[in-house]
Amino acid sequence: MSEGFCTFDPVKETITSYLNRFNHFLRTKELPAGGDGEELRKSWLLRVIGAGPGNTLDAWCFPDTTDTKIYDKILALLRSHFEPAKNKNSERKILTPGGS
């Protein structure tokens, strides 16, 4: 845990839930919007997210580094990996009586 904020564990919560909580945490830090504020948000996220997700981000960014990515791109990478698109056909079967 870093200054009251825990690392991301995909077994315990979704990335959306984690990022929502993280955004509330950032509000308590009163970071400025845009520019330097975005760099500070990225730094905080990379600091608290944990080694596993951090290493995964490094791999996705290769041959670049997370330092060269903007905050929104890092969020998009996290969401694309930890919340992949749902298969509409599978979802339809779940919602259809009898499952077929």
PDB file of N, CA and C in Angstrom:
ATOM      1  N   MET A   1       0.852  -1.174   0.000  1.00  0.00           N
ATOM      2  CA  MET A   1       0.000   0.000   0.000  1.00  0.00           C
ATOM      3  C   MET A   1       0.898   1.236   0.000  1.00  0.00           C
ATOM      4  N   SER A   2       0.494   2.224  -0.749  1.00  0.00           N
ATOM      5  CA  SER A   2       1.285   3.442  -0.836  1.00  0.00           C
ATOM      6  C   SER A   2       0.443   4.633  -0.411  1.00  0.00           C
ATOM      7  N   GLU A   3       0.817   5.233   0.692  1.00  0.00           N
ATOM      8  CA  GLU A   3       0.106   6.402   1.215  1.00  0.00           C
ATOM      9  C   GLU A   3      -1.404   6.224   1.203  1.00  0.00           C
ATOM     10  N   GLY A   4      -1.882   5.091   1.680  1.00  0.00           N
ATOM     11  CA  GLY A   4      -3.309   4.875   1.787  1.00  0.00           C
ATOM     12  C   GLY A   4      -3.970   4.318   0.548  1.00  0.00           C
ATOM     13  N   PHE A   5      -3.189   3.956  -0.470  1.00  0.00           N
ATOM     14  CA  PHE A   5      -3.804   3.396  -1.672  1.00  0.00           C
ATOM     15  C   PHE A   5      -3.151   2.066  -2.004  1.00  0.00           C
ATOM     16  N   CYS A   6      -3.977   1.060  -2.294  1.00  0.00           N
ATOM     17  CA  CYS A   6      -3.477  -0.297  -2.500  1.00  0.00           C
ATOM     18  C   CYS A   6      -3.152  -0.578  -3.969  1.00  0.00           C
ATOM     19  N   THR A   7      -2.415  -1.651  -4.180  1.00  0.00           N
ATOM     20  CA  THR A   7      -2.072  -2.084  -5.532  1.00  0.00           C
ATOM     21  C   THR A   7      -3.282  -2.739  -6.196  1.00  0.00           C
ATOM     22  N   PHE A   8      -3.222  -2.861  -7.516  1.00  0.00           N
ATOM     23  CA  PHE A   8      -4.308  -3.478  -8.276  1.00  0.00           C
ATOM     24  C   PHE A   8      -4.179  -4.989  -8.239  1.00  0.00           C
ATOM     25  N   ASP A   9      -5.268  -5.665  -7.871  1.00  0.00           N
ATOM     26  CA  ASP A   9      -5.337  -7.124  -7.877  1.00  0.00           C
ATOM     27  C   ASP A   9      -6.547  -7.526  -8.708  1.00  0.00           C
ATOM     28  N   PRO A  10      -6.319  -8.027  -9.956  1.00  0.00           N
ATOM     29  CA  PRO A  10      -7.439  -8.357 -10.833  1.00  0.00           C
ATOM     30  C   PRO A  10      -8.330  -9.484 -10.324  1.00  0.00           C
ATOM     31  N   VAL A  11      -7.871 -10.229  -9.331  1.00  0.00           N
ATOM     32  CA  VAL A  11      -8.694 -11.281  -8.735  1.00  0.00           C
ATOM     33  C   VAL A  11      -9.746 -10.672  -7.815  1.00  0.00           C
ATOM     34  N   LYS A  12      -9.420  -9.540  -7.194  1.00  0.00           N
ATOM     35  CA  LYS A  12     -10.305  -8.933  -6.202  1.00  0.00           C
ATOM     36  C   LYS A  12     -11.234  -7.865  -6.761  1.00  0.00           C
ATOM     37  N   GLU A  13     -10.843  -7.201  -7.874  1.00  0.00           N
ATOM     38  CA  GLU A  13     -11.696  -6.152  -8.422  1.00  0.00           C
ATOM     39  C   GLU A  13     -11.412  -5.944  -9.902  1.00  0.00           C
ATOM     40  N   THR A  14     -12.331  -5.285 -10.562  1.00  0.00           N
ATOM     41  CA  THR A  14     -12.138  -4.969 -11.975  1.00  0.00           C
ATOM     42  C   THR A  14     -11.232  -3.754 -12.108  1.00  0.00           C
ATOM     43  N   ILE A  15     -10.654  -3.595 -13.280  1.00  0.00           N
ATOM     44  CA  ILE A  15      -9.811  -2.423 -13.515  1.00  0.00           C
ATOM     45  C   ILE A  15     -10.647  -1.149 -13.452  1.00  0.00           C
ATOM     46  N   THR A  16     -11.904  -1.223 -13.876  1.00  0.00           N
ATOM     47  CA  THR A  16     -12.781  -0.056 -13.816  1.00  0.00           C
ATOM     48  C   THR A  16     -12.993   0.383 -12.372  1.00  0.00           C
ATOM     49  N   SER A  17     -13.247  -0.565 -11.497  1.00  0.00           N
ATOM     50  CA  SER A  17     -13.429  -0.252 -10.082  1.00  0.00           C
ATOM     51  C   SER A  17     -12.154   0.333  -9.493  1.00  0.00           C
ATOM     52  N   TYR A  18     -11.027  -0.274  -9.814  1.00  0.00           N
ATOM     53  CA  TYR A  18      -9.741   0.219  -9.304  1.00  0.00           C
ATOM     54  C   TYR A  18      -9.476   1.645  -9.778  1.00  0.00           C
ATOM     55  N   LEU A  19      -9.681   1.903 -11.071  1.00  0.00           N
ATOM     56  CA  LEU A  19      -9.412   3.236 -11.606  1.00  0.00           C
ATOM     57  C   LEU A  19     -10.384   4.276 -11.056  1.00  0.00           C
ATOM     58  N   ASN A  20     -11.624   3.885 -10.788  1.00  0.00           N
ATOM     59  CA  ASN A  20     -12.568   4.807 -10.150  1.00  0.00           C
ATOM     60  C   ASN A  20     -12.080   5.195  -8.754  1.00  0.00           C
ATOM     61  N   ARG A  21     -11.656   4.199  -7.986  1.00  0.00           N
ATOM     62  CA  ARG A  21     -11.132   4.484  -6.653  1.00  0.00           C
ATOM     63  C   ARG A  21      -9.858   5.324  -6.749  1.00  0.00           C
ATOM     64  N   PHE A  22      -9.019   5.013  -7.739  1.00  0.00           N
ATOM     65  CA  PHE A  22      -7.777   5.759  -7.930  1.00  0.00           C
ATOM     66  C   PHE A  22      -8.071   7.227  -8.264  1.00  0.00           C
ATOM     67  N   ASN A  23      -9.087   7.478  -9.099  1.00  0.00           N
ATOM     68  CA  ASN A  23      -9.456   8.858  -9.423  1.00  0.00           C
ATOM     69  C   ASN A  23      -9.898   9.629  -8.185  1.00  0.00           C
ATOM     70  N   HIS A  24     -10.625   8.963  -7.293  1.00  0.00           N
ATOM     71  CA  HIS A  24     -11.017   9.618  -6.040  1.00  0.00           C
ATOM     72  C   HIS A  24      -9.788   9.902  -5.181  1.00  0.00           C
ATOM     73  N   PHE A  25      -8.864   8.971  -5.151  1.00  0.00           N
ATOM     74  CA  PHE A  25      -7.611   9.176  -4.429  1.00  0.00           C
ATOM     75  C   PHE A  25      -6.872  10.396  -4.980  1.00  0.00           C
ATOM     76  N   LEU A  26      -6.818  10.505  -6.318  1.00  0.00           N
ATOM     77  CA  LEU A  26      -6.128  11.645  -6.930  1.00  0.00           C
ATOM     78  C   LEU A  26      -6.789  12.975  -6.569  1.00  0.00           C
ATOM     79  N   ARG A  27      -8.115  12.969  -6.448  1.00  0.00           N
ATOM     80  CA  ARG A  27      -8.808  14.209  -6.058  1.00  0.00           C
ATOM     81  C   ARG A  27      -8.343  14.698  -4.695  1.00  0.00           C
ATOM     82  N   THR A  28      -8.020  13.760  -3.815  1.00  0.00           N
ATOM     83  CA  THR A  28      -7.547  14.161  -2.490  1.00  0.00           C
ATOM     84  C   THR A  28      -6.156  14.776  -2.557  1.00  0.00           C
ATOM     85  N   LYS A  29      -5.449  14.528  -3.644  1.00  0.00           N
ATOM     86  CA  LYS A  29      -4.108  15.086  -3.835  1.00  0.00           C
ATOM     87  C   LYS A  29      -4.165  16.466  -4.495  1.00  0.00           C
ATOM     88  N   GLU A  30      -5.360  16.852  -4.960  1.00  0.00           N
ATOM     89  CA  GLU A  30      -5.586  18.164  -5.565  1.00  0.00           C
ATOM     90  C   GLU A  30      -4.584  18.476  -6.679  1.00  0.00           C
ATOM     91  N   LEU A  31      -4.452  17.544  -7.624  1.00  0.00           N
ATOM     92  CA  LEU A  31      -3.543  17.731  -8.747  1.00  0.00           C
ATOM     93  C   LEU A  31      -4.178  18.638  -9.797  1.00  0.00           C
ATOM     94  N   PRO A  32      -3.384  19.484 -10.433  1.00  0.00           N
ATOM     95  CA  PRO A  32      -3.934  20.360 -11.476  1.00  0.00           C
ATOM     96  C   PRO A  32      -4.344  19.555 -12.705  1.00  0.00           C
ATOM     97  N   ALA A  33      -5.322  20.056 -13.438  1.00  0.00           N
ATOM     98  CA  ALA A  33      -5.772  19.398 -14.666  1.00  0.00           C
ATOM     99  C   ALA A  33      -4.774  19.652 -15.785  1.00  0.00           C
ATOM    100  N   GLY A  34      -4.643  18.670 -16.690  1.00  0.00           N
ATOM    101  CA  GLY A  34      -3.796  18.830 -17.870  1.00  0.00           C
ATOM    102  C   GLY A  34      -2.323  18.968 -17.544  1.00  0.00           C
ATOM    103  N   GLY A  35      -1.500  19.029 -18.585  1.00  0.00           N
ATOM    104  CA  GLY A  35      -0.065  19.280 -18.471  1.00  0.00           C
ATOM    105  C   GLY A  35       0.634  18.531 -17.370  1.00  0.00           C
ATOM    106  N   ASP A  36       1.196  19.266 -16.430  1.00  0.00           N
ATOM    107  CA  ASP A  36       1.931  18.661 -15.321  1.00  0.00           C
ATOM    108  C   ASP A  36       1.037  17.763 -14.471  1.00  0.00           C
ATOM    109  N   GLY A  37      -0.221  18.118 -14.368  1.00  0.00           N
ATOM    110  CA  GLY A  37      -1.159  17.299 -13.604  1.00  0.00           C
ATOM    111  C   GLY A  37      -1.297  15.900 -14.186  1.00  0.00           C
ATOM    112  N   GLU A  38      -1.318  15.805 -15.504  1.00  0.00           N
ATOM    113  CA  GLU A  38      -1.416  14.491 -16.159  1.00  0.00           C
ATOM    114  C   GLU A  38      -0.157  13.663 -15.898  1.00  0.00           C
ATOM    115  N   GLU A  39       0.997  14.308 -15.934  1.00  0.00           N
ATOM    116  CA  GLU A  39       2.245  13.597 -15.641  1.00  0.00           C
ATOM    117  C   GLU A  39       2.264  13.114 -14.189  1.00  0.00           C
ATOM    118  N   LEU A  40       1.748  13.941 -13.282  1.00  0.00           N
ATOM    119  CA  LEU A  40       1.681  13.532 -11.877  1.00  0.00           C
ATOM    120  C   LEU A  40       0.697  12.382 -11.685  1.00  0.00           C
ATOM    121  N   ARG A  41      -0.432  12.415 -12.392  1.00  0.00           N
ATOM    122  CA  ARG A  41      -1.398  11.314 -12.313  1.00  0.00           C
ATOM    123  C   ARG A  41      -0.749  10.014 -12.792  1.00  0.00           C
ATOM    124  N   LYS A  42      -0.055  10.087 -13.919  1.00  0.00           N
ATOM    125  CA  LYS A  42       0.633   8.910 -14.447  1.00  0.00           C
ATOM    126  C   LYS A  42       1.656   8.398 -13.441  1.00  0.00           C
ATOM    127  N   SER A  43       2.422   9.295 -12.857  1.00  0.00           N
ATOM    128  CA  SER A  43       3.436   8.884 -11.878  1.00  0.00           C
ATOM    129  C   SER A  43       2.805   8.216 -10.663  1.00  0.00           C
ATOM    130  N   TRP A  44       1.706   8.782 -10.168  1.00  0.00           N
ATOM    131  CA  TRP A  44       1.012   8.165  -9.036  1.00  0.00           C
ATOM    132  C   TRP A  44       0.504   6.775  -9.415  1.00  0.00           C
ATOM    133  N   LEU A  45      -0.104   6.651 -10.587  1.00  0.00           N
ATOM    134  CA  LEU A  45      -0.636   5.350 -11.010  1.00  0.00           C
ATOM    135  C   LEU A  45       0.485   4.322 -11.096  1.00  0.00           C
ATOM    136  N   LEU A  46       1.582   4.675 -11.743  1.00  0.00           N
ATOM    137  CA  LEU A  46       2.688   3.737 -11.886  1.00  0.00           C
ATOM    138  C   LEU A  46       3.310   3.402 -10.529  1.00  0.00           C
ATOM    139  N   ARG A  47       3.216   4.331  -9.599  1.00  0.00           N
ATOM    140  CA  ARG A  47       3.758   4.103  -8.252  1.00  0.00           C
ATOM    141  C   ARG A  47       2.909   3.115  -7.458  1.00  0.00           C
ATOM    142  N   VAL A  48       1.599   3.206  -7.572  1.00  0.00           N
ATOM    143  CA  VAL A  48       0.733   2.408  -6.695  1.00  0.00           C
ATOM    144  C   VAL A  48       0.170   1.147  -7.335  1.00  0.00           C
ATOM    145  N   ILE A  49       0.210   1.010  -8.643  1.00  0.00           N
ATOM    146  CA  ILE A  49      -0.498  -0.093  -9.290  1.00  0.00           C
ATOM    147  C   ILE A  49       0.072  -1.468  -8.942  1.00  0.00           C
ATOM    148  N   GLY A  50       1.344  -1.543  -8.616  1.00  0.00           N
ATOM    149  CA  GLY A  50       1.938  -2.810  -8.217  1.00  0.00           C
ATOM    150  C   GLY A  50       2.866  -3.376  -9.275  1.00  0.00           C
ATOM    151  N   ALA A  51       3.691  -4.331  -8.855  1.00  0.00           N
ATOM    152  CA  ALA A  51       4.723  -4.889  -9.726  1.00  0.00           C
ATOM    153  C   ALA A  51       4.144  -5.678 -10.898  1.00  0.00           C
ATOM    154  N   GLY A  52       3.148  -6.510 -10.648  1.00  0.00           N
ATOM    155  CA  GLY A  52       2.580  -7.335 -11.727  1.00  0.00           C
ATOM    156  C   GLY A  52       2.005  -6.505 -12.860  1.00  0.00           C
ATOM    157  N   PRO A  53       1.018  -5.656 -12.566  1.00  0.00           N
ATOM    158  CA  PRO A  53       0.476  -4.799 -13.617  1.00  0.00           C
ATOM    159  C   PRO A  53       1.515  -3.829 -14.179  1.00  0.00           C
ATOM    160  N   GLY A  54       2.441  -3.379 -13.347  1.00  0.00           N
ATOM    161  CA  GLY A  54       3.492  -2.481 -13.817  1.00  0.00           C
ATOM    162  C   GLY A  54       4.393  -3.154 -14.843  1.00  0.00           C
ATOM    163  N   ASN A  55       4.769  -4.405 -14.566  1.00  0.00           N
ATOM    164  CA  ASN A  55       5.586  -5.160 -15.517  1.00  0.00           C
ATOM    165  C   ASN A  55       4.820  -5.425 -16.809  1.00  0.00           C
ATOM    166  N   THR A  56       3.531  -5.685 -16.684  1.00  0.00           N
ATOM    167  CA  THR A  56       2.699  -5.899 -17.874  1.00  0.00           C
ATOM    168  C   THR A  56       2.659  -4.635 -18.720  1.00  0.00           C
ATOM    169  N   LEU A  57       2.488  -3.489 -18.086  1.00  0.00           N
ATOM    170  CA  LEU A  57       2.498  -2.219 -18.816  1.00  0.00           C
ATOM    171  C   LEU A  57       3.825  -2.006 -19.528  1.00  0.00           C
ATOM    172  N   ASP A  58       4.927  -2.311 -18.864  1.00  0.00           N
ATOM    173  CA  ASP A  58       6.238  -2.176 -19.499  1.00  0.00           C
ATOM    174  C   ASP A  58       6.321  -3.030 -20.761  1.00  0.00           C
ATOM    175  N   ALA A  59       5.800  -4.247 -20.684  1.00  0.00           N
ATOM    176  CA  ALA A  59       5.830  -5.139 -21.842  1.00  0.00           C
ATOM    177  C   ALA A  59       4.978  -4.599 -22.984  1.00  0.00           C
ATOM    178  N   TRP A  60       3.790  -4.056 -22.679  1.00  0.00           N
ATOM    179  CA  TRP A  60       2.917  -3.510 -23.729  1.00  0.00           C
ATOM    180  C   TRP A  60       3.528  -2.299 -24.398  1.00  0.00           C
ATOM    181  N   CYS A  61       4.267  -1.523 -23.650  1.00  0.00           N
ATOM    182  CA  CYS A  61       4.848  -0.293 -24.184  1.00  0.00           C
ATOM    183  C   CYS A  61       6.113  -0.543 -25.004  1.00  0.00           C
ATOM    184  N   PHE A  62       6.712  -1.702 -24.858  1.00  0.00           N
ATOM    185  CA  PHE A  62       7.962  -2.005 -25.543  1.00  0.00           C
ATOM    186  C   PHE A  62       7.812  -1.820 -27.047  1.00  0.00           C
ATOM    187  N   PRO A  63       8.723  -1.208 -27.753  1.00  0.00           N
ATOM    188  CA  PRO A  63      10.069  -0.819 -27.343  1.00  0.00           C
ATOM    189  C   PRO A  63      10.120   0.527 -26.629  1.00  0.00           C
ATOM    190  N   ASP A  64       8.979   1.206 -26.505  1.00  0.00           N
ATOM    191  CA  ASP A  64       8.931   2.450 -25.733  1.00  0.00           C
ATOM    192  C   ASP A  64       8.882   2.105 -24.249  1.00  0.00           C
ATOM    193  N   THR A  65       8.767   3.115 -23.423  1.00  0.00           N
ATOM    194  CA  THR A  65       8.620   2.919 -21.986  1.00  0.00           C
ATOM    195  C   THR A  65       7.355   3.627 -21.519  1.00  0.00           C
ATOM    196  N   THR A  66       6.950   3.352 -20.304  1.00  0.00           N
ATOM    197  CA  THR A  66       5.776   4.037 -19.757  1.00  0.00           C
ATOM    198  C   THR A  66       6.040   5.534 -19.624  1.00  0.00           C
ATOM    199  N   ASP A  67       7.303   5.913 -19.526  1.00  0.00           N
ATOM    200  CA  ASP A  67       7.646   7.339 -19.444  1.00  0.00           C
ATOM    201  C   ASP A  67       7.254   8.098 -20.705  1.00  0.00           C
ATOM    202  N   THR A  68       7.232   7.410 -21.842  1.00  0.00           N
ATOM    203  CA  THR A  68       6.922   8.083 -23.108  1.00  0.00           C
ATOM    204  C   THR A  68       5.429   8.081 -23.424  1.00  0.00           C
ATOM    205  N   LYS A  69       4.641   7.351 -22.657  1.00  0.00           N
ATOM    206  CA  LYS A  69       3.196   7.255 -22.907  1.00  0.00           C
ATOM    207  C   LYS A  69       2.444   8.304 -22.099  1.00  0.00           C
ATOM    208  N   ILE A  70       1.384   8.826 -22.681  1.00  0.00           N
ATOM    209  CA  ILE A  70       0.557   9.768 -21.944  1.00  0.00           C
ATOM    210  C   ILE A  70      -0.372   8.982 -21.008  1.00  0.00           C
ATOM    211  N   TYR A  71      -0.870   9.658 -20.017  1.00  0.00           N
ATOM    212  CA  TYR A  71      -1.727   9.041 -18.989  1.00  0.00           C
ATOM    213  C   TYR A  71      -2.928   8.316 -19.601  1.00  0.00           C
ATOM    214  N   ASP A  72      -3.617   8.973 -20.541  1.00  0.00           N
ATOM    215  CA  ASP A  72      -4.800   8.351 -21.148  1.00  0.00           C
ATOM    216  C   ASP A  72      -4.457   7.079 -21.904  1.00  0.00           C
ATOM    217  N   LYS A  73      -3.295   7.024 -22.531  1.00  0.00           N
ATOM    218  CA  LYS A  73      -2.865   5.818 -23.253  1.00  0.00           C
ATOM    219  C   LYS A  73      -2.608   4.678 -22.274  1.00  0.00           C
ATOM    220  N   ILE A  74      -2.016   4.988 -21.143  1.00  0.00           N
ATOM    221  CA  ILE A  74      -1.776   3.956 -20.130  1.00  0.00           C
ATOM    222  C   ILE A  74      -3.098   3.416 -19.595  1.00  0.00           C
ATOM    223  N   LEU A  75      -4.069   4.307 -19.364  1.00  0.00           N
ATOM    224  CA  LEU A  75      -5.394   3.852 -18.921  1.00  0.00           C
ATOM    225  C   LEU A  75      -6.028   2.948 -19.969  1.00  0.00           C
ATOM    226  N   ALA A  76      -5.905   3.316 -21.235  1.00  0.00           N
ATOM    227  CA  ALA A  76      -6.480   2.501 -22.320  1.00  0.00           C
ATOM    228  C   ALA A  76      -5.812   1.128 -22.385  1.00  0.00           C
ATOM    229  N   LEU A  77      -4.511   1.073 -22.205  1.00  0.00           N
ATOM    230  CA  LEU A  77      -3.805  -0.211 -22.204  1.00  0.00           C
ATOM    231  C   LEU A  77      -4.280  -1.095 -21.053  1.00  0.00           C
ATOM    232  N   LEU A  78      -4.430  -0.509 -19.879  1.00  0.00           N
ATOM    233  CA  LEU A  78      -4.912  -1.280 -18.729  1.00  0.00           C
ATOM    234  C   LEU A  78      -6.318  -1.818 -18.970  1.00  0.00           C
ATOM    235  N   ARG A  79      -7.190  -0.955 -19.467  1.00  0.00           N
ATOM    236  CA  ARG A  79      -8.572  -1.387 -19.722  1.00  0.00           C
ATOM    237  C   ARG A  79      -8.635  -2.464 -20.799  1.00  0.00           C
ATOM    238  N   SER A  80      -7.845  -2.327 -21.853  1.00  0.00           N
ATOM    239  CA  SER A  80      -7.905  -3.304 -22.944  1.00  0.00           C
ATOM    240  C   SER A  80      -7.423  -4.674 -22.496  1.00  0.00           C
ATOM    241  N   HIS A  81      -6.501  -4.714 -21.544  1.00  0.00           N
ATOM    242  CA  HIS A  81      -6.011  -6.010 -21.078  1.00  0.00           C
ATOM    243  C   HIS A  81      -6.876  -6.622 -19.978  1.00  0.00           C
ATOM    244  N   PHE A  82      -7.239  -5.818 -19.009  1.00  0.00           N
ATOM    245  CA  PHE A  82      -7.939  -6.354 -17.842  1.00  0.00           C
ATOM    246  C   PHE A  82      -9.456  -6.390 -18.000  1.00  0.00           C
ATOM    247  N   GLU A  83     -10.002  -5.723 -19.006  1.00  0.00           N
ATOM    248  CA  GLU A  83     -11.431  -5.826 -19.309  1.00  0.00           C
ATOM    249  C   GLU A  83     -11.611  -5.998 -20.810  1.00  0.00           C
ATOM    250  N   PRO A  84     -11.254  -7.191 -21.312  1.00  0.00           N
ATOM    251  CA  PRO A  84     -11.398  -7.433 -22.747  1.00  0.00           C
ATOM    252  C   PRO A  84     -12.859  -7.373 -23.170  1.00  0.00           C
ATOM    253  N   ALA A  85     -13.077  -7.120 -24.447  1.00  0.00           N
ATOM    254  CA  ALA A  85     -14.437  -7.033 -24.981  1.00  0.00           C
ATOM    255  C   ALA A  85     -15.183  -8.344 -24.732  1.00  0.00           C
ATOM    256  N   LYS A  86     -16.449  -8.221 -24.387  1.00  0.00           N
ATOM    257  CA  LYS A  86     -17.263  -9.400 -24.140  1.00  0.00           C
ATOM    258  C   LYS A  86     -17.749  -9.977 -25.465  1.00  0.00           C
ATOM    259  N   ASN A  87     -17.876 -11.285 -25.501  1.00  0.00           N
ATOM    260  CA  ASN A  87     -18.396 -11.972 -26.670  1.00  0.00           C
ATOM    261  C   ASN A  87     -19.922 -11.867 -26.633  1.00  0.00           C
ATOM    262  N   LYS A  88     -20.498 -11.152 -27.602  1.00  0.00           N
ATOM    263  CA  LYS A  88     -21.948 -10.922 -27.610  1.00  0.00           C
ATOM    264  C   LYS A  88     -22.731 -12.222 -27.704  1.00  0.00           C
ATOM    265  N   ASN A  89     -22.243 -13.200 -28.459  1.00  0.00           N
ATOM    266  CA  ASN A  89     -22.949 -14.474 -28.574  1.00  0.00           C
ATOM    267  C   ASN A  89     -22.990 -15.214 -27.251  1.00  0.00           C
ATOM    268  N   SER A  90     -21.889 -15.203 -26.523  1.00  0.00           N
ATOM    269  CA  SER A  90     -21.854 -15.853 -25.212  1.00  0.00           C
ATOM    270  C   SER A  90     -22.787 -15.151 -24.239  1.00  0.00           C
ATOM    271  N   GLU A  91     -22.784 -13.825 -24.264  1.00  0.00           N
ATOM    272  CA  GLU A  91     -23.670 -13.055 -23.390  1.00  0.00           C
ATOM    273  C   GLU A  91     -25.132 -13.327 -23.719  1.00  0.00           C
ATOM    274  N   ARG A  92     -25.441 -13.438 -24.985  1.00  0.00           N
ATOM    275  CA  ARG A  92     -26.806 -13.701 -25.407  1.00  0.00           C
ATOM    276  C   ARG A  92     -27.273 -15.058 -24.887  1.00  0.00           C
ATOM    277  N   LYS A  93     -26.393 -16.061 -24.919  1.00  0.00           N
ATOM    278  CA  LYS A  93     -26.747 -17.397 -24.423  1.00  0.00           C
ATOM    279  C   LYS A  93     -27.026 -17.370 -22.928  1.00  0.00           C
ATOM    280  N   ILE A  94     -26.268 -16.579 -22.210  1.00  0.00           N
ATOM    281  CA  ILE A  94     -26.463 -16.476 -20.765  1.00  0.00           C
ATOM    282  C   ILE A  94     -27.824 -15.874 -20.456  1.00  0.00           C
ATOM    283  N   LEU A  95     -28.241 -14.875 -21.240  1.00  0.00           N
ATOM    284  CA  LEU A  95     -29.478 -14.162 -20.982  1.00  0.00           C
ATOM    285  C   LEU A  95     -30.709 -14.856 -21.563  1.00  0.00           C
ATOM    286  N   THR A  96     -30.501 -15.822 -22.469  1.00  0.00           N
ATOM    287  CA  THR A  96     -31.618 -16.512 -23.102  1.00  0.00           C
ATOM    288  C   THR A  96     -32.091 -17.652 -22.199  1.00  0.00           C
ATOM    289  N   PRO A  97     -33.415 -17.764 -21.956  1.00  0.00           N
ATOM    290  CA  PRO A  97     -33.917 -18.879 -21.153  1.00  0.00           C
ATOM    291  C   PRO A  97     -33.466 -20.209 -21.762  1.00  0.00           C
ATOM    292  N   GLY A  98     -32.947 -21.084 -20.943  1.00  0.00           N
ATOM    293  CA  GLY A  98     -32.452 -22.371 -21.415  1.00  0.00           C
ATOM    294  C   GLY A  98     -30.993 -22.295 -21.854  1.00  0.00           C
ATOM    295  N   GLY A  99     -30.432 -21.102 -21.939  1.00  0.00           N
ATOM    296  CA  GLY A  99     -29.020 -20.948 -22.267  1.00  0.00           C
ATOM    297  C   GLY A  99     -28.647 -21.256 -23.683  1.00  0.00           C
ATOM    298  N   SER A 100     -29.612 -21.299 -24.610  1.00  0.00           N
ATOM    299  CA  SER A 100     -29.236 -21.597 -25.995  1.00  0.00           C
ATOM    300  C   SER A 100     -29.872 -20.619 -26.954  1.00  0.00           C
TER     301      SER A 100
END
